[in-house]
Amino acid sequence: MSRLPSVFISHGAPTLPIDPSMPSAEFASLADQLPRPRAILMLSAHWGTAQPVASIATQPETIHDFYGFPPALYELRYPAPGAPELGKRAAELLAEQGVPAATADHGLDHGAWVPLLLMFPQADVPVAQLSIQPRLDAAHHYRVGRALRALRDEGVMIVGSGQITHNLRAADFGARPEDADPRVTEFTDWFEARLAERDIDALLDYRRRAPHAVLMHPTDEHLLPVFSALGAASDDFTLGIQSLGTFQKTLAMTNYVFS
């Protein structure tokens, strides 16, 4: 079986599947360009634990971990089968590299099921979710990805789901895409240039080196999954960029493929 890419998804708002103003169709286009995985290991910004925990649920529930949205959103379900053996394998690989990990039954939060609903609408690819550690840094999450690298040779697509920029306090939910804060582009241009150069040291130190880093990520849980996707990538990866624009003034939606 050929080695699969690792992927980072900017999953946007929970309303992505039902809001015609959002770029939902582009997620299906992205999936069409990717090899079909045997299973998916998803790291979402919305499941945080002190140490990595891998889900071993056989039929993960669809978790509606948000409130105040249209009723239609709460009716959506993503009934993909779980991948308990993948969850166990992920925990074992982490432990082998000195990263303590546990397993637990856990459903799919919206950072997982919202993009997967658009990318694999038949819900026929087994999914296991792996938690992130919001109190640990980019280097830790890069190390997690490194430990999981072997999964890519086993038909598993490692997907980090977060947001390339995420400052809800500075967001303007009435803004048009053309109203984007120019500092968003300055940050994403820097980040993508460092990715293209494979400058891992700079990326891991992004909070000191990237322009407007703290403004774009007052807390960095939505960026941490990109470092695991990056860690899982080959040393000589080819970078693919799907830029979908900036919404609500400060929320850039860009997806990266590390082939």
C-alpha atoms as a PDB file:
ATOM      1  CA  MET A   1       0.000   0.000   0.000  1.00  0.00           C
ATOM      2  CA  SER A   2       1.338   3.433  -0.929  1.00  0.00           C
ATOM      3  CA  ARG A   3       2.162   5.971   1.764  1.00  0.00           C
ATOM      4  CA  LEU A   4      -0.700   8.363   2.441  1.00  0.00           C
ATOM      5  CA  PRO A   5      -0.324  12.115   2.907  1.00  0.00           C
ATOM      6  CA  SER A   6      -1.023  13.850   6.186  1.00  0.00           C
ATOM      7  CA  VAL A   7      -3.496  16.719   6.135  1.00  0.00           C
ATOM      8  CA  PHE A   8      -4.428  19.843   8.072  1.00  0.00           C
ATOM      9  CA  ILE A   9      -7.986  21.153   7.820  1.00  0.00           C
ATOM     10  CA  SER A  10      -9.306  24.568   8.840  1.00  0.00           C
ATOM     11  CA  HIS A  11     -12.742  23.378   9.853  1.00  0.00           C
ATOM     12  CA  GLY A  12     -14.456  26.759  10.191  1.00  0.00           C
ATOM     13  CA  ALA A  13     -17.719  27.259  12.041  1.00  0.00           C
ATOM     14  CA  PRO A  14     -20.016  24.326  12.913  1.00  0.00           C
ATOM     15  CA  THR A  15     -22.485  25.717  10.340  1.00  0.00           C
ATOM     16  CA  LEU A  16     -20.138  24.848   7.462  1.00  0.00           C
ATOM     17  CA  PRO A  17     -22.419  22.036   6.162  1.00  0.00           C
ATOM     18  CA  ILE A  18     -25.586  24.162   6.156  1.00  0.00           C
ATOM     19  CA  ASP A  19     -24.376  27.691   5.359  1.00  0.00           C
ATOM     20  CA  PRO A  20     -24.329  28.351   1.590  1.00  0.00           C
ATOM     21  CA  SER A  21     -22.020  31.330   2.072  1.00  0.00           C
ATOM     22  CA  MET A  22     -19.238  29.050   3.337  1.00  0.00           C
ATOM     23  CA  PRO A  23     -16.884  27.028   1.088  1.00  0.00           C
ATOM     24  CA  SER A  24     -18.318  23.614   1.887  1.00  0.00           C
ATOM     25  CA  ALA A  25     -18.041  22.171  -1.626  1.00  0.00           C
ATOM     26  CA  GLU A  26     -14.291  22.748  -1.623  1.00  0.00           C
ATOM     27  CA  PHE A  27     -13.856  20.126   1.085  1.00  0.00           C
ATOM     28  CA  ALA A  28     -15.343  17.521  -1.234  1.00  0.00           C
ATOM     29  CA  SER A  29     -12.979  18.726  -3.971  1.00  0.00           C
ATOM     30  CA  LEU A  30     -10.051  18.272  -1.611  1.00  0.00           C
ATOM     31  CA  ALA A  31     -11.106  14.730  -0.741  1.00  0.00           C
ATOM     32  CA  ASP A  32     -11.402  13.883  -4.442  1.00  0.00           C
ATOM     33  CA  GLN A  33      -7.740  14.786  -4.893  1.00  0.00           C
ATOM     34  CA  LEU A  34      -6.555  12.585  -2.023  1.00  0.00           C
ATOM     35  CA  PRO A  35      -5.992   8.827  -2.077  1.00  0.00           C
ATOM     36  CA  ARG A  36      -8.768   6.969  -0.323  1.00  0.00           C
ATOM     37  CA  PRO A  37      -7.634   5.938   3.169  1.00  0.00           C
ATOM     38  CA  ARG A  38      -8.316   2.633   4.891  1.00  0.00           C
ATOM     39  CA  ALA A  39      -8.994   4.636   8.047  1.00  0.00           C
ATOM     40  CA  ILE A  40      -8.569   8.158   9.411  1.00  0.00           C
ATOM     41  CA  LEU A  41      -6.861   9.272  12.608  1.00  0.00           C
ATOM     42  CA  MET A  42      -8.281  12.698  13.435  1.00  0.00           C
ATOM     43  CA  LEU A  43      -6.734  15.208  15.844  1.00  0.00           C
ATOM     44  CA  SER A  44      -9.278  17.943  16.538  1.00  0.00           C
ATOM     45  CA  ALA A  45      -8.795  21.225  18.385  1.00  0.00           C
ATOM     46  CA  HIS A  46     -11.987  20.468  20.303  1.00  0.00           C
ATOM     47  CA  TRP A  47     -10.837  17.434  22.288  1.00  0.00           C
ATOM     48  CA  GLY A  48      -8.175  18.423  24.762  1.00  0.00           C
ATOM     49  CA  THR A  49      -6.662  16.269  27.500  1.00  0.00           C
ATOM     50  CA  ALA A  50      -3.573  16.383  29.693  1.00  0.00           C
ATOM     51  CA  GLN A  51      -1.950  13.539  27.753  1.00  0.00           C
ATOM     52  CA  PRO A  52      -2.895  11.923  24.418  1.00  0.00           C
ATOM     53  CA  VAL A  53      -6.022   9.784  24.524  1.00  0.00           C
ATOM     54  CA  ALA A  54      -7.047   7.689  21.524  1.00  0.00           C
ATOM     55  CA  SER A  55     -10.661   6.784  20.955  1.00  0.00           C
ATOM     56  CA  ILE A  56     -11.493   3.098  20.684  1.00  0.00           C
ATOM     57  CA  ALA A  57     -15.243   3.604  20.155  1.00  0.00           C
ATOM     58  CA  THR A  58     -16.694   1.111  17.709  1.00  0.00           C
ATOM     59  CA  GLN A  59     -19.506   3.466  16.666  1.00  0.00           C
ATOM     60  CA  PRO A  60     -18.519   7.017  17.655  1.00  0.00           C
ATOM     61  CA  GLU A  61     -21.397   9.308  18.515  1.00  0.00           C
ATOM     62  CA  THR A  62     -21.801  12.638  16.734  1.00  0.00           C
ATOM     63  CA  ILE A  63     -21.059  15.213  19.420  1.00  0.00           C
ATOM     64  CA  HIS A  64     -22.821  18.562  19.045  1.00  0.00           C
ATOM     65  CA  ASP A  65     -20.348  20.478  21.196  1.00  0.00           C
ATOM     66  CA  PHE A  66     -21.794  23.956  20.557  1.00  0.00           C
ATOM     67  CA  TYR A  67     -24.916  25.923  21.364  1.00  0.00           C
ATOM     68  CA  GLY A  68     -27.073  28.680  19.916  1.00  0.00           C
ATOM     69  CA  PHE A  69     -26.971  27.471  16.311  1.00  0.00           C
ATOM     70  CA  PRO A  70     -29.868  26.645  13.929  1.00  0.00           C
ATOM     71  CA  PRO A  71     -31.880  23.534  14.896  1.00  0.00           C
ATOM     72  CA  ALA A  72     -31.022  21.860  11.578  1.00  0.00           C
ATOM     73  CA  LEU A  73     -27.405  21.624  12.678  1.00  0.00           C
ATOM     74  CA  TYR A  74     -28.309  19.516  15.716  1.00  0.00           C
ATOM     75  CA  GLU A  75     -30.145  17.052  13.505  1.00  0.00           C
ATOM     76  CA  LEU A  76     -27.012  16.186  11.530  1.00  0.00           C
ATOM     77  CA  ARG A  77     -25.309  12.882  12.277  1.00  0.00           C
ATOM     78  CA  TYR A  78     -22.093  11.389  10.977  1.00  0.00           C
ATOM     79  CA  PRO A  79     -22.446   7.622  11.480  1.00  0.00           C
ATOM     80  CA  ALA A  80     -18.960   6.562  10.408  1.00  0.00           C
ATOM     81  CA  PRO A  81     -17.685   3.349  11.961  1.00  0.00           C
ATOM     82  CA  GLY A  82     -15.047   3.637  14.597  1.00  0.00           C
ATOM     83  CA  ALA A  83     -11.519   2.272  14.272  1.00  0.00           C
ATOM     84  CA  PRO A  84     -10.744   0.826  17.713  1.00  0.00           C
ATOM     85  CA  GLU A  85      -7.689  -1.108  16.537  1.00  0.00           C
ATOM     86  CA  LEU A  86      -6.291   2.081  15.042  1.00  0.00           C
ATOM     87  CA  GLY A  87      -6.863   3.870  18.352  1.00  0.00           C
ATOM     88  CA  LYS A  88      -4.957   1.147  20.181  1.00  0.00           C
ATOM     89  CA  ARG A  89      -2.180   1.178  17.599  1.00  0.00           C
ATOM     90  CA  ALA A  90      -1.816   4.968  17.886  1.00  0.00           C
ATOM     91  CA  ALA A  91      -1.526   4.740  21.678  1.00  0.00           C
ATOM     92  CA  GLU A  92       1.088   1.994  21.350  1.00  0.00           C
ATOM     93  CA  LEU A  93       3.181   3.969  18.863  1.00  0.00           C
ATOM     94  CA  LEU A  94       3.135   6.996  21.134  1.00  0.00           C
ATOM     95  CA  ALA A  95       4.160   4.942  24.160  1.00  0.00           C
ATOM     96  CA  GLU A  96       7.047   3.422  22.178  1.00  0.00           C
ATOM     97  CA  GLN A  97       8.370   6.945  21.617  1.00  0.00           C
ATOM     98  CA  GLY A  98       8.075   7.915  25.260  1.00  0.00           C
ATOM     99  CA  VAL A  99       4.783   9.790  24.958  1.00  0.00           C
ATOM    100  CA  PRO A 100       2.356   8.413  27.570  1.00  0.00           C
ATOM    101  CA  ALA A 101      -1.022   7.729  25.999  1.00  0.00           C
ATOM    102  CA  ALA A 102      -4.336   6.178  26.989  1.00  0.00           C
ATOM    103  CA  THR A 103      -7.434   4.897  25.236  1.00  0.00           C
ATOM    104  CA  ALA A 104     -11.120   5.620  25.861  1.00  0.00           C
ATOM    105  CA  ASP A 105     -14.490   5.509  24.162  1.00  0.00           C
ATOM    106  CA  HIS A 106     -15.030   8.939  22.637  1.00  0.00           C
ATOM    107  CA  GLY A 107     -17.276  10.315  19.928  1.00  0.00           C
ATOM    108  CA  LEU A 108     -16.510  12.757  17.131  1.00  0.00           C
ATOM    109  CA  ASP A 109     -16.642  16.439  18.061  1.00  0.00           C
ATOM    110  CA  HIS A 110     -17.515  19.044  15.454  1.00  0.00           C
ATOM    111  CA  GLY A 111     -13.871  19.611  14.571  1.00  0.00           C
ATOM    112  CA  ALA A 112     -13.882  16.015  13.364  1.00  0.00           C
ATOM    113  CA  TRP A 113     -17.336  15.266  11.988  1.00  0.00           C
ATOM    114  CA  VAL A 114     -18.059  18.596  10.269  1.00  0.00           C
ATOM    115  CA  PRO A 115     -15.160  18.391   7.771  1.00  0.00           C
ATOM    116  CA  LEU A 116     -15.527  14.613   7.416  1.00  0.00           C
ATOM    117  CA  LEU A 117     -19.211  15.002   6.584  1.00  0.00           C
ATOM    118  CA  LEU A 118     -18.180  17.165   3.638  1.00  0.00           C
ATOM    119  CA  MET A 119     -15.125  15.164   2.596  1.00  0.00           C
ATOM    120  CA  PHE A 120     -16.515  11.639   2.990  1.00  0.00           C
ATOM    121  CA  PRO A 121     -20.312  12.094   3.012  1.00  0.00           C
ATOM    122  CA  GLN A 122     -21.004   8.365   2.758  1.00  0.00           C
ATOM    123  CA  ALA A 123     -19.487   7.984   6.245  1.00  0.00           C
ATOM    124  CA  ASP A 124     -17.839   4.766   5.095  1.00  0.00           C
ATOM    125  CA  VAL A 125     -14.253   5.406   6.224  1.00  0.00           C
ATOM    126  CA  PRO A 126     -13.540   4.238   9.784  1.00  0.00           C
ATOM    127  CA  VAL A 127     -12.409   7.042  12.096  1.00  0.00           C
ATOM    128  CA  ALA A 128     -10.511   7.169  15.371  1.00  0.00           C
ATOM    129  CA  GLN A 129      -9.921  10.457  17.170  1.00  0.00           C
ATOM    130  CA  LEU A 130      -6.802  11.401  19.118  1.00  0.00           C
ATOM    131  CA  SER A 131      -6.868  14.228  21.646  1.00  0.00           C
ATOM    132  CA  ILE A 132      -4.574  17.231  21.637  1.00  0.00           C
ATOM    133  CA  GLN A 133      -2.876  18.773  24.679  1.00  0.00           C
ATOM    134  CA  PRO A 134      -3.836  22.472  24.859  1.00  0.00           C
ATOM    135  CA  ARG A 135      -1.380  23.160  27.684  1.00  0.00           C
ATOM    136  CA  LEU A 136       1.582  21.703  25.793  1.00  0.00           C
ATOM    137  CA  ASP A 137       3.433  23.378  22.952  1.00  0.00           C
ATOM    138  CA  ALA A 138       3.938  22.996  19.221  1.00  0.00           C
ATOM    139  CA  ALA A 139       7.045  20.840  19.753  1.00  0.00           C
ATOM    140  CA  HIS A 140       5.027  18.295  21.725  1.00  0.00           C
ATOM    141  CA  HIS A 141       2.432  18.031  18.965  1.00  0.00           C
ATOM    142  CA  TYR A 142       5.144  17.716  16.333  1.00  0.00           C
ATOM    143  CA  ARG A 143       6.620  14.856  18.363  1.00  0.00           C
ATOM    144  CA  VAL A 144       3.187  13.201  18.489  1.00  0.00           C
ATOM    145  CA  GLY A 145       2.996  13.346  14.703  1.00  0.00           C
ATOM    146  CA  ARG A 146       6.495  11.922  14.383  1.00  0.00           C
ATOM    147  CA  ALA A 147       5.529   8.972  16.572  1.00  0.00           C
ATOM    148  CA  LEU A 148       2.495   8.267  14.391  1.00  0.00           C
ATOM    149  CA  ARG A 149       4.315   8.462  11.075  1.00  0.00           C
ATOM    150  CA  ALA A 150       4.277   4.699  10.488  1.00  0.00           C
ATOM    151  CA  LEU A 151       0.486   4.759  10.238  1.00  0.00           C
ATOM    152  CA  ARG A 152       0.754   6.429   6.846  1.00  0.00           C
ATOM    153  CA  ASP A 153       2.273   3.198   5.496  1.00  0.00           C
ATOM    154  CA  GLU A 154      -0.668   1.254   6.905  1.00  0.00           C
ATOM    155  CA  GLY A 155      -3.409   2.977   4.923  1.00  0.00           C
ATOM    156  CA  VAL A 156      -4.156   5.584   7.582  1.00  0.00           C
ATOM    157  CA  MET A 157      -4.606   9.264   6.807  1.00  0.00           C
ATOM    158  CA  ILE A 158      -3.557  11.469   9.718  1.00  0.00           C
ATOM    159  CA  VAL A 159      -5.704  14.609   9.749  1.00  0.00           C
ATOM    160  CA  GLY A 160      -5.266  17.610  12.023  1.00  0.00           C
ATOM    161  CA  SER A 161      -8.383  19.768  12.299  1.00  0.00           C
ATOM    162  CA  GLY A 162      -8.249  23.301  13.658  1.00  0.00           C
ATOM    163  CA  GLN A 163      -7.943  26.755  12.078  1.00  0.00           C
ATOM    164  CA  ILE A 164      -4.924  28.467  10.575  1.00  0.00           C
ATOM    165  CA  THR A 165      -6.027  31.710  12.277  1.00  0.00           C
ATOM    166  CA  HIS A 166      -8.477  31.746  15.174  1.00  0.00           C
ATOM    167  CA  ASN A 167      -9.321  34.829  17.190  1.00  0.00           C
ATOM    168  CA  LEU A 168     -13.033  34.862  17.976  1.00  0.00           C
ATOM    169  CA  ARG A 169     -12.700  37.962  20.128  1.00  0.00           C
ATOM    170  CA  ALA A 170     -11.530  39.971  17.111  1.00  0.00           C
ATOM    171  CA  ALA A 171     -13.996  38.363  14.709  1.00  0.00           C
ATOM    172  CA  ASP A 172     -16.788  40.297  13.022  1.00  0.00           C
ATOM    173  CA  PHE A 173     -19.570  37.891  12.131  1.00  0.00           C
ATOM    174  CA  GLY A 174     -21.134  40.401   9.765  1.00  0.00           C
ATOM    175  CA  ALA A 175     -17.935  40.928   7.781  1.00  0.00           C
ATOM    176  CA  ARG A 176     -17.552  39.949   4.146  1.00  0.00           C
ATOM    177  CA  PRO A 177     -14.523  37.966   2.922  1.00  0.00           C
ATOM    178  CA  GLU A 178     -13.094  41.122   1.372  1.00  0.00           C
ATOM    179  CA  ASP A 179     -13.154  42.774   4.821  1.00  0.00           C
ATOM    180  CA  ALA A 180     -10.422  40.493   6.141  1.00  0.00           C
ATOM    181  CA  ASP A 181      -7.888  41.968   8.524  1.00  0.00           C
ATOM    182  CA  PRO A 182      -4.657  42.311   6.475  1.00  0.00           C
ATOM    183  CA  ARG A 183      -2.694  40.924   9.398  1.00  0.00           C
ATOM    184  CA  VAL A 184      -4.309  37.545   8.704  1.00  0.00           C
ATOM    185  CA  THR A 185      -2.529  37.386   5.353  1.00  0.00           C
ATOM    186  CA  GLU A 186       0.755  38.509   6.884  1.00  0.00           C
ATOM    187  CA  PHE A 187       0.571  35.634   9.340  1.00  0.00           C
ATOM    188  CA  THR A 188      -0.527  32.972   6.839  1.00  0.00           C
ATOM    189  CA  ASP A 189       2.057  34.112   4.262  1.00  0.00           C
ATOM    190  CA  TRP A 190       4.804  33.737   6.873  1.00  0.00           C
ATOM    191  CA  PHE A 191       3.506  30.347   7.979  1.00  0.00           C
ATOM    192  CA  GLU A 192       3.204  28.991   4.456  1.00  0.00           C
ATOM    193  CA  ALA A 193       6.634  30.271   3.459  1.00  0.00           C
ATOM    194  CA  ARG A 194       8.159  28.431   6.402  1.00  0.00           C
ATOM    195  CA  LEU A 195       6.198  25.290   5.472  1.00  0.00           C
ATOM    196  CA  ALA A 196       7.435  25.504   1.892  1.00  0.00           C
ATOM    197  CA  GLU A 197      11.007  25.859   3.182  1.00  0.00           C
ATOM    198  CA  ARG A 198      10.438  22.997   5.655  1.00  0.00           C
ATOM    199  CA  ASP A 199      11.802  25.310   8.343  1.00  0.00           C
ATOM    200  CA  ILE A 200      10.643  23.241  11.295  1.00  0.00           C
ATOM    201  CA  ASP A 201      12.569  25.246  13.898  1.00  0.00           C
ATOM    202  CA  ALA A 202      10.876  28.495  12.880  1.00  0.00           C
ATOM    203  CA  LEU A 203       7.442  26.906  12.753  1.00  0.00           C
ATOM    204  CA  LEU A 204       7.754  25.409  16.213  1.00  0.00           C
ATOM    205  CA  ASP A 205       8.795  28.837  17.490  1.00  0.00           C
ATOM    206  CA  TYR A 206       5.967  30.590  15.624  1.00  0.00           C
ATOM    207  CA  ARG A 207       4.681  32.491  18.651  1.00  0.00           C
ATOM    208  CA  ARG A 208       7.942  34.472  18.808  1.00  0.00           C
ATOM    209  CA  ARG A 209       8.788  34.623  15.105  1.00  0.00           C
ATOM    210  CA  ALA A 210       5.547  34.876  13.122  1.00  0.00           C
ATOM    211  CA  PRO A 211       3.971  38.308  12.577  1.00  0.00           C
ATOM    212  CA  HIS A 212       0.877  38.900  14.724  1.00  0.00           C
ATOM    213  CA  ALA A 213       1.074  35.351  16.102  1.00  0.00           C
ATOM    214  CA  VAL A 214      -0.568  36.100  19.441  1.00  0.00           C
ATOM    215  CA  LEU A 215      -3.285  38.173  17.762  1.00  0.00           C
ATOM    216  CA  MET A 216      -4.064  35.348  15.347  1.00  0.00           C
ATOM    217  CA  HIS A 217      -3.965  32.756  18.147  1.00  0.00           C
ATOM    218  CA  PRO A 218      -4.600  34.192  21.628  1.00  0.00           C
ATOM    219  CA  THR A 219      -4.615  30.534  22.630  1.00  0.00           C
ATOM    220  CA  ASP A 220      -3.140  28.077  20.196  1.00  0.00           C
ATOM    221  CA  GLU A 221      -5.319  24.959  20.455  1.00  0.00           C
ATOM    222  CA  HIS A 222      -6.644  25.558  16.927  1.00  0.00           C
ATOM    223  CA  LEU A 223      -3.147  25.617  15.446  1.00  0.00           C
ATOM    224  CA  LEU A 224      -1.656  22.717  17.406  1.00  0.00           C
ATOM    225  CA  PRO A 225      -3.128  20.026  15.098  1.00  0.00           C
ATOM    226  CA  VAL A 226      -1.096  21.374  12.153  1.00  0.00           C
ATOM    227  CA  PHE A 227       2.099  20.492  13.994  1.00  0.00           C
ATOM    228  CA  SER A 228       1.026  16.872  14.370  1.00  0.00           C
ATOM    229  CA  ALA A 229       0.148  16.691  10.676  1.00  0.00           C
ATOM    230  CA  LEU A 230       3.542  18.235   9.932  1.00  0.00           C
ATOM    231  CA  GLY A 231       5.317  15.820  12.255  1.00  0.00           C
ATOM    232  CA  ALA A 232       3.664  12.881  10.523  1.00  0.00           C
ATOM    233  CA  ALA A 233       4.815  14.113   7.108  1.00  0.00           C
ATOM    234  CA  SER A 234       7.879  12.823   5.277  1.00  0.00           C
ATOM    235  CA  ASP A 235      11.057  14.853   5.705  1.00  0.00           C
ATOM    236  CA  ASP A 236      10.951  15.798   2.004  1.00  0.00           C
ATOM    237  CA  PHE A 237       7.205  16.439   1.853  1.00  0.00           C
ATOM    238  CA  THR A 238       5.578  18.379  -0.960  1.00  0.00           C
ATOM    239  CA  LEU A 239       3.220  21.074   0.298  1.00  0.00           C
ATOM    240  CA  GLY A 240      -0.249  21.434  -1.174  1.00  0.00           C
ATOM    241  CA  ILE A 241      -2.296  24.518  -0.244  1.00  0.00           C
ATOM    242  CA  GLN A 242      -6.053  24.955  -0.592  1.00  0.00           C
ATOM    243  CA  SER A 243      -6.846  28.549   0.356  1.00  0.00           C
ATOM    244  CA  LEU A 244     -10.572  29.139   0.836  1.00  0.00           C
ATOM    245  CA  GLY A 245     -10.500  32.758   2.006  1.00  0.00           C
ATOM    246  CA  THR A 246     -10.952  34.584   5.294  1.00  0.00           C
ATOM    247  CA  PHE A 247     -14.315  34.791   7.024  1.00  0.00           C
ATOM    248  CA  GLN A 248     -15.624  36.895   9.927  1.00  0.00           C
ATOM    249  CA  LYS A 249     -12.596  39.184   9.424  1.00  0.00           C
ATOM    250  CA  THR A 250     -10.033  37.049  11.291  1.00  0.00           C
ATOM    251  CA  LEU A 251     -10.795  33.379  10.556  1.00  0.00           C
ATOM    252  CA  ALA A 252      -8.718  32.167   7.615  1.00  0.00           C
ATOM    253  CA  MET A 253      -9.740  28.856   6.110  1.00  0.00           C
ATOM    254  CA  THR A 254      -6.716  27.185   4.555  1.00  0.00           C
ATOM    255  CA  ASN A 255      -6.089  23.460   4.188  1.00  0.00           C
ATOM    256  CA  TYR A 256      -2.649  21.891   3.801  1.00  0.00           C
ATOM    257  CA  VAL A 257      -1.664  18.538   2.338  1.00  0.00           C
ATOM    258  CA  PHE A 258       1.769  17.113   3.137  1.00  0.00           C
ATOM    259  CA  SER A 259       2.462  14.593   0.355  1.00  0.00           C
END
